């Protein structure tokens, strides 16, 4: 009986000794994804703000220099550096009127593929379309964007961005394009 009591006491002391460090590591591990998710949401929020402000320089700074982009028309773009990426966005914004109504955006979900890689799906609604500098307007539309974001040296960046125009219910391409 004394031997069993000593055995249980030993296990109890061992558990009390290990528990605080185990709990601390466990809490650290659980808080990292929450911190990463907050940082990703902040990155995407900054990216959207730069887009709405037609700020090509800021957009390029939030993306990796070798970012891969597929625009809403399905055209791939692979700039070879930050300057080329900035020019890509600058050229796109050149035809957009600064008085166009900003789109409504919603992060639909974030999925971690690993500790340093996540996929973000976001809905965009251009309820008034896009007013162009020549006075014409792109009609209202919605799109789903998928971002692949990566973390390097504790900083999250956009590594890839795919835009997909949503098809209205009961409509098929190319009739509804």
N, C-alpha and C. Protein backbone atom coordinates (compact mmCIF):
# COMPACT_ATOMS: atom_id res chain seq x y z
N UNK A 1 0.83 -1.19 0.00
CA UNK A 1 0.00 0.00 0.00
C UNK A 1 0.87 1.25 0.00
N UNK A 2 1.92 1.22 0.87
CA UNK A 2 2.82 2.38 0.93
C UNK A 2 3.50 2.62 -0.42
N UNK A 3 3.86 1.50 -1.08
CA UNK A 3 4.50 1.60 -2.38
C UNK A 3 3.57 2.27 -3.41
N UNK A 4 2.26 1.88 -3.41
CA UNK A 4 1.29 2.49 -4.32
C UNK A 4 1.14 3.97 -4.02
N UNK A 5 1.09 4.32 -2.74
CA UNK A 5 0.94 5.72 -2.34
C UNK A 5 2.15 6.52 -2.81
N UNK A 6 3.36 5.97 -2.65
CA UNK A 6 4.55 6.65 -3.13
C UNK A 6 4.53 6.79 -4.65
N UNK A 7 4.04 5.76 -5.32
CA UNK A 7 3.97 5.80 -6.78
C UNK A 7 3.01 6.90 -7.23
N UNK A 8 1.84 6.96 -6.63
CA UNK A 8 0.86 8.00 -6.99
C UNK A 8 1.38 9.38 -6.61
N UNK A 9 2.05 9.48 -5.48
CA UNK A 9 2.62 10.76 -5.06
C UNK A 9 3.69 11.20 -6.06
N UNK A 10 4.53 10.27 -6.50
CA UNK A 10 5.56 10.60 -7.48
C UNK A 10 4.94 11.10 -8.77
N UNK A 11 3.90 10.41 -9.22
CA UNK A 11 3.22 10.85 -10.45
C UNK A 11 2.59 12.22 -10.25
N UNK A 12 2.03 12.45 -9.10
CA UNK A 12 1.40 13.75 -8.81
C UNK A 12 2.43 14.87 -8.82
N UNK A 13 3.58 14.65 -8.19
CA UNK A 13 4.64 15.66 -8.16
C UNK A 13 5.16 15.90 -9.57
N UNK A 14 5.37 14.83 -10.34
CA UNK A 14 5.83 14.96 -11.71
C UNK A 14 4.82 15.76 -12.54
N UNK A 15 3.54 15.46 -12.37
CA UNK A 15 2.49 16.17 -13.12
C UNK A 15 2.49 17.66 -12.75
N UNK A 16 2.62 17.97 -11.47
CA UNK A 16 2.64 19.38 -11.06
C UNK A 16 3.88 20.10 -11.58
N UNK A 17 4.98 19.38 -11.70
CA UNK A 17 6.22 19.97 -12.20
C UNK A 17 6.12 20.24 -13.70
N UNK A 18 5.56 19.30 -14.43
CA UNK A 18 5.48 19.42 -15.89
C UNK A 18 4.32 20.31 -16.33
N UNK A 19 3.21 20.25 -15.63
CA UNK A 19 1.99 20.94 -16.06
C UNK A 19 2.17 22.41 -16.39
N UNK A 20 2.81 23.24 -15.55
CA UNK A 20 2.90 24.66 -15.89
C UNK A 20 3.60 24.91 -17.22
N UNK A 21 4.70 24.21 -17.49
CA UNK A 21 5.40 24.45 -18.76
C UNK A 21 4.60 23.89 -19.92
N UNK A 22 3.95 22.75 -19.71
CA UNK A 22 3.11 22.18 -20.77
C UNK A 22 1.94 23.11 -21.08
N UNK A 23 1.30 23.63 -20.06
CA UNK A 23 0.17 24.54 -20.26
C UNK A 23 0.64 25.81 -20.96
N UNK A 24 1.78 26.34 -20.58
CA UNK A 24 2.30 27.56 -21.22
C UNK A 24 2.58 27.31 -22.70
N UNK A 25 3.21 26.17 -23.03
CA UNK A 25 3.49 25.84 -24.44
C UNK A 25 2.19 25.64 -25.20
N UNK A 26 1.24 24.97 -24.56
CA UNK A 26 -0.05 24.72 -25.20
C UNK A 26 -0.77 26.03 -25.48
N UNK A 27 -0.74 26.96 -24.54
CA UNK A 27 -1.39 28.26 -24.75
C UNK A 27 -0.68 29.03 -25.85
N UNK A 28 0.66 28.98 -25.90
CA UNK A 28 1.41 29.65 -26.97
C UNK A 28 1.01 29.08 -28.32
N UNK A 29 0.95 27.76 -28.41
CA UNK A 29 0.60 27.11 -29.67
C UNK A 29 -0.81 27.50 -30.10
N UNK A 30 -1.74 27.58 -29.14
CA UNK A 30 -3.11 27.93 -29.48
C UNK A 30 -3.25 29.40 -29.83
N UNK A 31 -2.43 30.27 -29.28
CA UNK A 31 -2.58 31.70 -29.55
C UNK A 31 -1.94 32.09 -30.88
N UNK A 32 -0.94 31.33 -31.36
CA UNK A 32 -0.27 31.67 -32.62
C UNK A 32 -1.24 31.71 -33.80
N UNK A 33 -2.09 30.67 -34.01
CA UNK A 33 -3.03 30.75 -35.13
C UNK A 33 -3.98 31.95 -35.00
N UNK A 34 -4.39 32.28 -33.79
CA UNK A 34 -5.27 33.44 -33.60
C UNK A 34 -4.53 34.72 -33.97
N UNK A 35 -3.28 34.84 -33.55
CA UNK A 35 -2.46 36.00 -33.91
C UNK A 35 -2.23 36.04 -35.40
N UNK A 36 -1.91 34.89 -36.00
CA UNK A 36 -1.72 34.83 -37.45
C UNK A 36 -2.99 35.22 -38.18
N UNK A 37 -4.12 34.74 -37.73
CA UNK A 37 -5.38 35.10 -38.39
C UNK A 37 -5.63 36.60 -38.29
N UNK A 38 -5.38 37.18 -37.13
CA UNK A 38 -5.52 38.64 -36.99
C UNK A 38 -4.58 39.37 -37.94
N UNK A 39 -3.34 38.90 -38.04
CA UNK A 39 -2.37 39.53 -38.93
C UNK A 39 -2.76 39.39 -40.40
N UNK A 40 -3.32 38.24 -40.76
CA UNK A 40 -3.79 38.04 -42.13
C UNK A 40 -4.97 38.97 -42.41
N UNK A 41 -5.90 39.06 -41.48
CA UNK A 41 -7.04 39.98 -41.65
C UNK A 41 -6.55 41.41 -41.80
N UNK A 42 -5.54 41.78 -41.04
CA UNK A 42 -4.96 43.12 -41.14
C UNK A 42 -4.31 43.33 -42.51
N UNK A 43 -3.57 42.33 -42.99
CA UNK A 43 -2.95 42.40 -44.32
C UNK A 43 -4.02 42.62 -45.39
N UNK A 44 -5.07 41.80 -45.35
CA UNK A 44 -6.12 41.89 -46.38
C UNK A 44 -6.86 43.22 -46.25
N UNK A 45 -7.07 43.68 -45.04
CA UNK A 45 -7.71 44.99 -44.83
C UNK A 45 -6.86 46.11 -45.42
N UNK A 46 -5.55 46.05 -45.19
CA UNK A 46 -4.64 47.05 -45.77
C UNK A 46 -4.63 46.96 -47.29
N UNK A 47 -4.68 45.73 -47.82
CA UNK A 47 -4.68 45.51 -49.26
C UNK A 47 -5.95 46.13 -49.87
N UNK A 48 -7.10 45.86 -49.24
CA UNK A 48 -8.37 46.41 -49.74
C UNK A 48 -8.36 47.93 -49.67
N UNK A 49 -7.85 48.50 -48.58
CA UNK A 49 -7.78 49.96 -48.45
C UNK A 49 -6.91 50.55 -49.56
N UNK A 50 -5.78 49.90 -49.85
CA UNK A 50 -4.92 50.38 -50.93
C UNK A 50 -5.65 50.29 -52.27
N UNK A 51 -6.38 49.20 -52.49
CA UNK A 51 -7.14 49.04 -53.73
C UNK A 51 -8.20 50.15 -53.84
N UNK A 52 -8.96 50.35 -52.78
CA UNK A 52 -10.03 51.37 -52.81
C UNK A 52 -9.47 52.77 -53.00
N UNK A 53 -8.25 53.02 -52.54
CA UNK A 53 -7.60 54.32 -52.71
C UNK A 53 -6.78 54.40 -54.00
N UNK A 54 -6.85 53.36 -54.81
CA UNK A 54 -6.12 53.29 -56.08
C UNK A 54 -4.63 53.54 -55.88
N UNK A 55 -4.10 52.95 -54.80
CA UNK A 55 -2.71 53.15 -54.39
C UNK A 55 -1.84 51.97 -54.84
N UNK A 56 -1.34 52.06 -56.05
CA UNK A 56 -0.54 50.97 -56.64
C UNK A 56 0.73 50.69 -55.84
N UNK A 57 1.37 51.72 -55.34
CA UNK A 57 2.62 51.55 -54.59
C UNK A 57 2.37 50.74 -53.32
N UNK A 58 1.30 51.07 -52.60
CA UNK A 58 0.97 50.36 -51.36
C UNK A 58 0.57 48.91 -51.65
N UNK A 59 -0.21 48.71 -52.72
CA UNK A 59 -0.59 47.34 -53.09
C UNK A 59 0.64 46.49 -53.35
N UNK A 60 1.55 47.01 -54.16
CA UNK A 60 2.77 46.26 -54.49
C UNK A 60 3.60 45.96 -53.25
N UNK A 61 3.58 46.85 -52.28
CA UNK A 61 4.34 46.64 -51.04
C UNK A 61 3.75 45.52 -50.18
N UNK A 62 2.47 45.22 -50.38
CA UNK A 62 1.79 44.19 -49.59
C UNK A 62 1.86 42.81 -50.27
N UNK A 63 2.42 42.79 -51.48
CA UNK A 63 2.54 41.56 -52.24
C UNK A 63 4.01 41.18 -52.39
N UNK A 64 4.26 39.88 -52.51
CA UNK A 64 5.62 39.44 -52.78
C UNK A 64 6.07 40.00 -54.13
N UNK A 65 7.35 40.27 -54.30
CA UNK A 65 7.82 40.79 -55.59
C UNK A 65 7.49 39.87 -56.77
N UNK A 66 7.40 38.56 -56.52
CA UNK A 66 7.08 37.61 -57.59
C UNK A 66 5.64 37.10 -57.48
N UNK A 67 4.73 37.97 -57.03
CA UNK A 67 3.32 37.61 -56.87
C UNK A 67 2.75 37.08 -58.19
N UNK A 68 1.83 36.14 -58.08
CA UNK A 68 1.13 35.64 -59.26
C UNK A 68 -0.31 36.11 -59.18
N UNK A 69 -0.79 36.72 -60.28
CA UNK A 69 -2.13 37.30 -60.31
C UNK A 69 -2.87 36.77 -61.53
N UNK A 70 -4.13 36.39 -61.33
CA UNK A 70 -5.03 36.11 -62.44
C UNK A 70 -6.17 37.09 -62.29
N UNK A 71 -6.34 37.97 -63.30
CA UNK A 71 -7.37 39.01 -63.20
C UNK A 71 -8.77 38.44 -63.47
N UNK A 72 -9.77 39.30 -63.35
CA UNK A 72 -11.15 38.82 -63.47
C UNK A 72 -11.51 38.36 -64.87
N UNK A 73 -10.65 38.63 -65.84
CA UNK A 73 -10.87 38.17 -67.20
C UNK A 73 -10.16 36.85 -67.46
N UNK A 74 -9.44 36.35 -66.45
CA UNK A 74 -8.72 35.09 -66.57
C UNK A 74 -7.31 35.24 -67.11
N UNK A 75 -6.85 36.49 -67.24
CA UNK A 75 -5.50 36.72 -67.76
C UNK A 75 -4.46 36.63 -66.64
N UNK A 76 -3.44 35.80 -66.82
CA UNK A 76 -2.40 35.69 -65.79
C UNK A 76 -1.39 36.84 -65.89
N UNK A 77 -0.89 37.26 -64.75
CA UNK A 77 0.14 38.30 -64.67
C UNK A 77 1.19 37.81 -63.68
N UNK A 78 2.44 37.84 -64.09
CA UNK A 78 3.53 37.43 -63.22
C UNK A 78 4.64 38.48 -63.29
N UNK A 79 4.45 39.57 -62.54
CA UNK A 79 5.48 40.61 -62.56
C UNK A 79 6.81 40.05 -62.06
N UNK A 80 7.89 40.62 -62.58
CA UNK A 80 9.22 40.11 -62.22
C UNK A 80 9.85 40.89 -61.08
N UNK A 81 9.10 41.74 -60.45
CA UNK A 81 9.62 42.50 -59.32
C UNK A 81 8.58 43.50 -58.84
N UNK A 82 8.90 44.13 -57.74
CA UNK A 82 7.96 45.08 -57.13
C UNK A 82 7.63 46.25 -58.07
N UNK A 83 8.63 46.79 -58.78
CA UNK A 83 8.40 47.93 -59.68
C UNK A 83 7.45 47.54 -60.81
N UNK A 84 7.64 46.35 -61.38
CA UNK A 84 6.75 45.89 -62.45
C UNK A 84 5.33 45.63 -61.90
N UNK A 85 5.25 45.11 -60.69
CA UNK A 85 3.95 44.88 -60.06
C UNK A 85 3.23 46.21 -59.82
N UNK A 86 3.97 47.19 -59.32
CA UNK A 86 3.39 48.51 -59.09
C UNK A 86 2.87 49.10 -60.40
N UNK A 87 3.62 48.93 -61.48
CA UNK A 87 3.20 49.44 -62.79
C UNK A 87 1.93 48.73 -63.26
N UNK A 88 1.84 47.43 -63.01
CA UNK A 88 0.65 46.66 -63.37
C UNK A 88 -0.59 47.27 -62.72
N UNK A 89 -0.50 47.53 -61.40
CA UNK A 89 -1.63 48.13 -60.68
C UNK A 89 -1.85 49.58 -61.11
N UNK A 90 -0.79 50.31 -61.30
CA UNK A 90 -0.90 51.71 -61.72
C UNK A 90 -1.62 51.82 -63.08
N UNK A 91 -1.25 50.96 -64.01
CA UNK A 91 -1.91 50.94 -65.32
C UNK A 91 -3.39 50.62 -65.19
N UNK A 92 -3.72 49.66 -64.33
CA UNK A 92 -5.12 49.28 -64.12
C UNK A 92 -5.90 50.44 -63.51
N UNK A 93 -5.30 51.15 -62.55
CA UNK A 93 -5.99 52.24 -61.86
C UNK A 93 -6.09 53.50 -62.71
N UNK A 94 -5.24 53.61 -63.73
CA UNK A 94 -5.21 54.80 -64.57
C UNK A 94 -6.56 55.07 -65.24
N UNK A 95 -7.32 54.04 -65.53
CA UNK A 95 -8.61 54.21 -66.20
C UNK A 95 -9.79 54.29 -65.25
N UNK A 96 -9.55 54.10 -63.94
CA UNK A 96 -10.63 54.14 -62.95
C UNK A 96 -10.75 55.56 -62.39
N UNK A 97 -11.97 56.07 -62.40
CA UNK A 97 -12.22 57.40 -61.85
C UNK A 97 -12.05 57.37 -60.33
N UNK A 98 -11.36 58.37 -59.77
CA UNK A 98 -11.22 58.41 -58.31
C UNK A 98 -12.56 58.59 -57.59
N UNK A 99 -13.59 59.01 -58.31
CA UNK A 99 -14.89 59.20 -57.67
C UNK A 99 -15.79 57.96 -57.77
N UNK A 100 -15.25 56.84 -58.25
CA UNK A 100 -16.04 55.62 -58.32
C UNK A 100 -16.37 55.15 -56.91
N UNK A 101 -17.54 54.58 -56.75
CA UNK A 101 -17.96 54.10 -55.42
C UNK A 101 -17.14 52.87 -55.05
N UNK A 102 -16.55 52.86 -53.85
CA UNK A 102 -15.74 51.69 -53.46
C UNK A 102 -16.60 50.43 -53.33
N UNK A 103 -16.01 49.29 -53.62
CA UNK A 103 -16.76 48.04 -53.49
C UNK A 103 -16.92 47.66 -52.02
N UNK A 104 -17.93 46.84 -51.77
CA UNK A 104 -18.12 46.25 -50.44
C UNK A 104 -17.34 44.93 -50.44
N UNK A 105 -16.57 44.70 -49.39
CA UNK A 105 -15.77 43.48 -49.32
C UNK A 105 -16.06 42.72 -48.03
N UNK A 106 -15.98 41.40 -48.12
CA UNK A 106 -16.19 40.54 -46.96
C UNK A 106 -15.21 39.37 -47.04
N UNK A 107 -14.45 39.16 -45.99
CA UNK A 107 -13.61 37.96 -45.92
C UNK A 107 -14.55 36.80 -45.57
N UNK A 108 -14.66 35.85 -46.50
CA UNK A 108 -15.56 34.72 -46.30
C UNK A 108 -14.94 33.67 -45.38
N UNK A 109 -13.67 33.38 -45.60
CA UNK A 109 -12.98 32.47 -44.68
C UNK A 109 -11.47 32.50 -44.93
N UNK A 110 -10.77 32.02 -43.91
CA UNK A 110 -9.31 31.87 -43.96
C UNK A 110 -9.02 30.42 -43.60
N UNK A 111 -8.21 29.78 -44.42
CA UNK A 111 -7.84 28.38 -44.16
C UNK A 111 -6.33 28.27 -44.16
N UNK A 112 -5.80 27.79 -43.07
CA UNK A 112 -4.36 27.58 -42.95
C UNK A 112 -3.98 26.26 -43.61
N UNK A 113 -3.01 26.31 -44.52
CA UNK A 113 -2.50 25.11 -45.16
C UNK A 113 -1.25 24.61 -44.44
N UNK A 114 -0.69 25.46 -43.61
CA UNK A 114 0.51 25.17 -42.83
C UNK A 114 0.73 26.37 -41.93
N UNK A 115 1.77 26.35 -41.11
CA UNK A 115 1.99 27.46 -40.18
C UNK A 115 2.34 28.78 -40.88
N UNK A 116 2.83 28.70 -42.12
CA UNK A 116 3.27 29.91 -42.82
C UNK A 116 2.54 30.15 -44.15
N UNK A 117 1.46 29.40 -44.38
CA UNK A 117 0.70 29.54 -45.63
C UNK A 117 -0.79 29.45 -45.33
N UNK A 118 -1.54 30.38 -45.91
CA UNK A 118 -3.00 30.34 -45.74
C UNK A 118 -3.67 30.78 -47.03
N UNK A 119 -4.91 30.36 -47.19
CA UNK A 119 -5.74 30.77 -48.31
C UNK A 119 -6.88 31.62 -47.74
N UNK A 120 -7.09 32.77 -48.38
CA UNK A 120 -8.15 33.70 -47.95
C UNK A 120 -9.14 33.81 -49.10
N UNK A 121 -10.42 33.60 -48.78
CA UNK A 121 -11.46 33.81 -49.79
C UNK A 121 -12.25 35.05 -49.39
N UNK A 122 -12.43 35.94 -50.36
CA UNK A 122 -13.11 37.20 -50.07
C UNK A 122 -14.12 37.52 -51.18
N UNK A 123 -15.28 38.01 -50.77
CA UNK A 123 -16.31 38.45 -51.71
C UNK A 123 -16.20 39.95 -51.92
N UNK A 124 -16.34 40.36 -53.17
CA UNK A 124 -16.35 41.77 -53.55
C UNK A 124 -17.68 42.06 -54.22
N UNK A 125 -18.29 43.19 -53.88
CA UNK A 125 -19.51 43.61 -54.55
C UNK A 125 -19.34 45.04 -55.05
N UNK A 126 -19.34 45.18 -56.35
CA UNK A 126 -19.27 46.49 -57.00
C UNK A 126 -20.70 46.88 -57.35
N UNK A 127 -21.48 47.32 -56.35
CA UNK A 127 -22.92 47.57 -56.49
C UNK A 127 -23.22 48.63 -57.54
N UNK A 128 -22.36 49.59 -57.70
CA UNK A 128 -22.55 50.65 -58.71
C UNK A 128 -21.64 50.46 -59.91
N UNK A 129 -20.99 49.33 -59.98
CA UNK A 129 -20.03 49.11 -61.05
C UNK A 129 -18.77 49.92 -60.79
N UNK A 130 -18.04 50.23 -61.85
CA UNK A 130 -16.82 51.02 -61.73
C UNK A 130 -16.91 52.17 -62.73
N UNK A 131 -16.82 53.39 -62.23
CA UNK A 131 -16.81 54.57 -63.08
C UNK A 131 -15.41 54.74 -63.65
N UNK A 132 -15.34 54.91 -64.97
CA UNK A 132 -14.05 55.06 -65.63
C UNK A 132 -13.76 56.54 -65.89
N UNK A 133 -12.51 56.85 -66.13
CA UNK A 133 -12.10 58.25 -66.33
C UNK A 133 -12.72 58.87 -67.57
N UNK A 134 -13.12 58.06 -68.55
CA UNK A 134 -13.75 58.61 -69.76
C UNK A 134 -15.26 58.82 -69.58
N UNK A 135 -15.77 58.56 -68.37
CA UNK A 135 -17.20 58.76 -68.09
C UNK A 135 -18.04 57.52 -68.27
N UNK A 136 -17.51 56.49 -68.93
CA UNK A 136 -18.28 55.25 -69.07
C UNK A 136 -18.21 54.47 -67.75
N UNK A 137 -19.01 53.43 -67.68
CA UNK A 137 -19.10 52.67 -66.44
C UNK A 137 -19.11 51.18 -66.72
N UNK A 138 -18.32 50.43 -65.96
CA UNK A 138 -18.42 48.97 -65.97
C UNK A 138 -19.66 48.65 -65.15
N UNK A 139 -20.59 47.85 -65.67
CA UNK A 139 -21.83 47.58 -64.93
C UNK A 139 -21.57 46.89 -63.59
N UNK A 140 -22.55 46.98 -62.68
CA UNK A 140 -22.41 46.32 -61.36
C UNK A 140 -22.09 44.83 -61.52
N UNK A 141 -21.27 44.34 -60.63
CA UNK A 141 -20.93 42.92 -60.62
C UNK A 141 -20.37 42.55 -59.25
N UNK A 142 -20.26 41.25 -59.05
CA UNK A 142 -19.64 40.70 -57.84
C UNK A 142 -18.52 39.77 -58.27
N UNK A 143 -17.58 39.57 -57.38
CA UNK A 143 -16.52 38.60 -57.67
C UNK A 143 -16.05 37.97 -56.38
N UNK A 144 -15.45 36.81 -56.54
CA UNK A 144 -14.82 36.09 -55.44
C UNK A 144 -13.32 36.14 -55.71
N UNK A 145 -12.56 36.57 -54.74
CA UNK A 145 -11.10 36.59 -54.85
C UNK A 145 -10.51 35.57 -53.90
N UNK A 146 -9.48 34.90 -54.35
CA UNK A 146 -8.74 33.96 -53.52
C UNK A 146 -7.30 34.47 -53.44
N UNK A 147 -6.82 34.61 -52.24
CA UNK A 147 -5.45 35.06 -51.99
C UNK A 147 -4.69 33.92 -51.32
N UNK A 148 -3.49 33.67 -51.78
CA UNK A 148 -2.57 32.80 -51.06
C UNK A 148 -1.61 33.74 -50.35
N UNK A 149 -1.56 33.62 -49.04
CA UNK A 149 -0.69 34.49 -48.25
C UNK A 149 0.37 33.64 -47.56
N UNK A 150 1.56 34.20 -47.47
CA UNK A 150 2.66 33.46 -46.83
C UNK A 150 3.32 34.35 -45.78
N UNK A 151 3.89 33.68 -44.79
CA UNK A 151 4.58 34.40 -43.72
C UNK A 151 6.07 34.15 -43.85
N UNK A 152 6.82 35.25 -43.88
CA UNK A 152 8.27 35.19 -43.93
C UNK A 152 8.80 36.21 -42.94
N UNK A 153 9.63 35.77 -42.05
CA UNK A 153 10.21 36.64 -41.01
C UNK A 153 9.10 37.38 -40.27
N UNK A 154 8.06 36.64 -39.87
CA UNK A 154 6.93 37.13 -39.07
C UNK A 154 6.03 38.13 -39.80
N UNK A 155 6.17 38.26 -41.11
CA UNK A 155 5.34 39.19 -41.86
C UNK A 155 4.55 38.44 -42.93
N UNK A 156 3.23 38.65 -42.94
CA UNK A 156 2.36 38.03 -43.93
C UNK A 156 2.32 38.90 -45.17
N UNK A 157 2.40 38.24 -46.36
CA UNK A 157 2.38 38.93 -47.65
C UNK A 157 1.49 38.14 -48.61
N UNK A 158 0.95 38.84 -49.61
CA UNK A 158 0.17 38.17 -50.65
C UNK A 158 1.14 37.55 -51.65
N UNK A 159 1.03 36.23 -51.84
CA UNK A 159 1.90 35.51 -52.77
C UNK A 159 1.20 35.25 -54.10
N UNK A 160 -0.13 35.11 -54.05
CA UNK A 160 -0.91 34.88 -55.26
C UNK A 160 -2.31 35.44 -55.05
N UNK A 161 -2.92 35.86 -56.15
CA UNK A 161 -4.23 36.49 -56.09
C UNK A 161 -5.00 36.09 -57.35
N UNK A 162 -6.14 35.43 -57.14
CA UNK A 162 -6.98 34.98 -58.24
C UNK A 162 -8.36 35.61 -58.11
N UNK A 163 -8.81 36.28 -59.16
CA UNK A 163 -10.11 36.95 -59.16
C UNK A 163 -11.07 36.17 -60.05
N UNK A 164 -12.29 35.95 -59.58
CA UNK A 164 -13.29 35.24 -60.37
C UNK A 164 -14.61 35.98 -60.30
N UNK A 165 -15.05 36.49 -61.45
CA UNK A 165 -16.34 37.16 -61.53
C UNK A 165 -17.44 36.15 -61.26
N UNK A 166 -18.40 36.53 -60.41
CA UNK A 166 -19.51 35.62 -60.11
C UNK A 166 -20.52 35.64 -61.25
N UNK A 167 -21.09 34.49 -61.51
CA UNK A 167 -22.12 34.37 -62.53
C UNK A 167 -23.48 34.49 -61.86
N UNK A 168 -24.35 35.36 -62.37
CA UNK A 168 -25.70 35.46 -61.79
C UNK A 168 -26.42 34.12 -61.88
N UNK A 169 -27.33 33.84 -60.93
CA UNK A 169 -28.06 32.57 -60.97
C UNK A 169 -28.79 32.40 -62.30
N UNK A 170 -28.75 31.19 -62.85
CA UNK A 170 -29.46 30.89 -64.09
C UNK A 170 -28.74 31.39 -65.33
N UNK A 171 -27.54 31.87 -65.19
CA UNK A 171 -26.79 32.44 -66.31
C UNK A 171 -25.56 31.59 -66.56
N UNK A 172 -25.19 31.46 -67.82
CA UNK A 172 -23.94 30.75 -68.12
C UNK A 172 -23.08 31.60 -69.02
N UNK A 173 -21.78 31.43 -68.88
CA UNK A 173 -20.85 32.20 -69.72
C UNK A 173 -20.89 31.66 -71.13
N UNK A 174 -20.67 32.38 -72.18
CA UNK A 174 -20.31 33.79 -72.20
C UNK A 174 -21.51 34.74 -72.26
N UNK A 175 -22.73 34.20 -72.28
CA UNK A 175 -23.92 35.04 -72.41
C UNK A 175 -24.03 36.13 -71.34
N UNK A 176 -23.56 35.85 -70.14
CA UNK A 176 -23.72 36.80 -69.03
C UNK A 176 -22.47 37.61 -68.77
N UNK A 177 -21.47 37.46 -69.59
CA UNK A 177 -20.20 38.15 -69.36
C UNK A 177 -20.32 39.62 -69.65
